[in-house]
Structures are given as structure tokens and as C-alpha cells.
């Protein structure tokens, strides 16, 4: 076994090192997750604004097309 000495006991300093590494990794992942959730929220808000704007532009275009068609028939 690579993580124990001849007597079968745990190498405490090595164990402490790896526990510290795990804690650091977990903290980094928590921070990254938080940043990603904030970015996702920002992108969803932007998507909603763009969708609304797209709907408004589509409505305006339909209105203009309708006016043009009425002008052609006159």
C-alpha cells in the first residue's frame, strides 16, 4: 500500500496534505459554480430582453408591410 507505512498506520502529513488539496479544490469549484450561475442569470436576462425586442421589431415590420400593401392597392 502506498499510503501507509510498514506498521499499517496512515501517513498523517500526507493525509493532511491531500485533505487540504480537496478543501482547496472544493472552494475553487464553489466559486466557479457561483460565477457560472451569475453568468447564466445575466445571459437569461439578456435573452429575454432580446426576445422582447425581436417581437417588437417583428410587429413593426408586419405593420409596415401591411401599410405598403395597402398603398399598392390604392
C-alpha atoms as a PDB file:
ATOM      1  CA  UNK A   1       0.000   0.000   0.000  1.00  0.00           C
ATOM      2  CA  UNK A   2       1.433   3.353  -0.990  1.00  0.00           C
ATOM      3  CA  UNK A   3      -0.379   5.469   1.605  1.00  0.00           C
ATOM      4  CA  UNK A   4       0.627   3.575   4.729  1.00  0.00           C
ATOM      5  CA  UNK A   5       3.910   2.715   6.335  1.00  0.00           C
ATOM      6  CA  UNK A   6       5.156  -0.731   7.378  1.00  0.00           C
ATOM      7  CA  UNK A   7       3.061  -0.842  10.552  1.00  0.00           C
ATOM      8  CA  UNK A   8      -0.174  -0.180   8.641  1.00  0.00           C
ATOM      9  CA  UNK A   9      -0.768   3.295  10.076  1.00  0.00           C
ATOM     10  CA  UNK A  10      -1.722   6.284   7.981  1.00  0.00           C
ATOM     11  CA  UNK A  11       0.926   8.793   6.928  1.00  0.00           C
ATOM     12  CA  UNK A  12      -0.676  11.781   8.727  1.00  0.00           C
ATOM     13  CA  UNK A  13       1.233  14.603   6.987  1.00  0.00           C
ATOM     14  CA  UNK A  14       0.449  13.121   3.593  1.00  0.00           C
ATOM     15  CA  UNK A  15      -3.202  12.642   4.578  1.00  0.00           C
ATOM     16  CA  UNK A  16      -3.390  16.247   5.822  1.00  0.00           C
ATOM     17  CA  UNK A  17      -1.875  17.443   2.547  1.00  0.00           C
ATOM     18  CA  UNK A  18      -4.478  15.643   0.443  1.00  0.00           C
ATOM     19  CA  UNK A  19      -7.341  16.766   2.662  1.00  0.00           C
ATOM     20  CA  UNK A  20      -6.082  20.335   2.246  1.00  0.00           C
ATOM     21  CA  UNK A  21      -5.937  19.847  -1.522  1.00  0.00           C
ATOM     22  CA  UNK A  22      -9.510  18.552  -1.519  1.00  0.00           C
ATOM     23  CA  UNK A  23     -10.710  21.505   0.548  1.00  0.00           C
ATOM     24  CA  UNK A  24      -8.964  23.957  -1.809  1.00  0.00           C
ATOM     25  CA  UNK A  25     -10.439  22.236  -4.853  1.00  0.00           C
ATOM     26  CA  UNK A  26     -13.932  22.286  -3.347  1.00  0.00           C
ATOM     27  CA  UNK A  27     -13.610  26.006  -2.586  1.00  0.00           C
ATOM     28  CA  UNK A  28     -12.441  26.735  -6.130  1.00  0.00           C
ATOM     29  CA  UNK A  29     -15.336  24.726  -7.551  1.00  0.00           C
ATOM     30  CA  UNK A  30     -17.835  26.558  -5.325  1.00  0.00           C
ATOM     31  CA  UNK A  31     -16.523  29.928  -6.520  1.00  0.00           C
ATOM     32  CA  UNK A  32     -16.540  28.834 -10.155  1.00  0.00           C
ATOM     33  CA  UNK A  33     -20.071  27.488  -9.779  1.00  0.00           C
ATOM     34  CA  UNK A  34     -21.214  30.788  -8.279  1.00  0.00           C
ATOM     35  CA  UNK A  35     -19.637  32.748 -11.156  1.00  0.00           C
ATOM     36  CA  UNK A  36     -21.235  30.435 -13.704  1.00  0.00           C
ATOM     37  CA  UNK A  37     -24.662  30.789 -12.098  1.00  0.00           C
ATOM     38  CA  UNK A  38     -24.324  34.576 -12.138  1.00  0.00           C
ATOM     39  CA  UNK A  39     -23.260  34.479 -15.797  1.00  0.00           C
ATOM     40  CA  UNK A  40     -26.187  32.194 -16.612  1.00  0.00           C
ATOM     41  CA  UNK A  41     -28.587  34.587 -14.913  1.00  0.00           C
ATOM     42  CA  UNK A  42     -27.146  37.530 -16.850  1.00  0.00           C
ATOM     43  CA  UNK A  43     -27.414  35.628 -20.127  1.00  0.00           C
ATOM     44  CA  UNK A  44     -31.010  34.594 -19.426  1.00  0.00           C
ATOM     45  CA  UNK A  45     -31.927  38.224 -18.711  1.00  0.00           C
ATOM     46  CA  UNK A  46     -30.232  39.315 -21.930  1.00  0.00           C
ATOM     47  CA  UNK A  47     -32.030  36.576 -23.870  1.00  0.00           C
ATOM     48  CA  UNK A  48     -35.390  37.751 -22.518  1.00  0.00           C
ATOM     49  CA  UNK A  49     -34.643  41.376 -23.479  1.00  0.00           C
ATOM     50  CA  UNK A  50     -33.532  40.355 -26.967  1.00  0.00           C
ATOM     51  CA  UNK A  51     -36.585  38.162 -27.432  1.00  0.00           C
ATOM     52  CA  UNK A  52     -38.866  41.044 -26.439  1.00  0.00           C
ATOM     53  CA  UNK A  53     -37.038  43.403 -28.774  1.00  0.00           C
ATOM     54  CA  UNK A  54     -37.268  40.867 -31.584  1.00  0.00           C
ATOM     55  CA  UNK A  55     -41.028  40.598 -31.040  1.00  0.00           C
ATOM     56  CA  UNK A  56     -41.378  44.388 -31.172  1.00  0.00           C
ATOM     57  CA  UNK A  57     -39.346  44.625 -34.378  1.00  0.00           C
ATOM     58  CA  UNK A  58     -41.369  41.826 -35.965  1.00  0.00           C
ATOM     59  CA  UNK A  59     -44.603  43.630 -35.095  1.00  0.00           C
ATOM     60  CA  UNK A  60     -43.300  46.898 -36.549  1.00  0.00           C
ATOM     61  CA  UNK A  61     -42.234  45.157 -39.757  1.00  0.00           C
ATOM     62  CA  UNK A  62     -45.614  43.489 -40.109  1.00  0.00           C
ATOM     63  CA  UNK A  63     -47.277  46.867 -39.668  1.00  0.00           C
ATOM     64  CA  UNK A  64     -45.017  48.448 -42.310  1.00  0.00           C
ATOM     65  CA  UNK A  65     -45.633  45.583 -44.738  1.00  0.00           C
ATOM     66  CA  UNK A  66     -49.371  45.993 -44.212  1.00  0.00           C
ATOM     67  CA  UNK A  67     -49.123  49.732 -44.956  1.00  0.00           C
ATOM     68  CA  UNK A  68     -47.096  49.074 -48.110  1.00  0.00           C
ATOM     69  CA  UNK A  69     -49.616  46.528 -49.352  1.00  0.00           C
ATOM     70  CA  UNK A  70     -52.478  48.994 -48.762  1.00  0.00           C
ATOM     71  CA  UNK A  71     -50.537  51.701 -50.640  1.00  0.00           C
ATOM     72  CA  UNK A  72     -50.106  49.354 -53.625  1.00  0.00           C
ATOM     73  CA  UNK A  73     -53.842  48.771 -53.915  1.00  0.00           C
ATOM     74  CA  UNK A  74     -54.655  52.493 -53.948  1.00  0.00           C
END
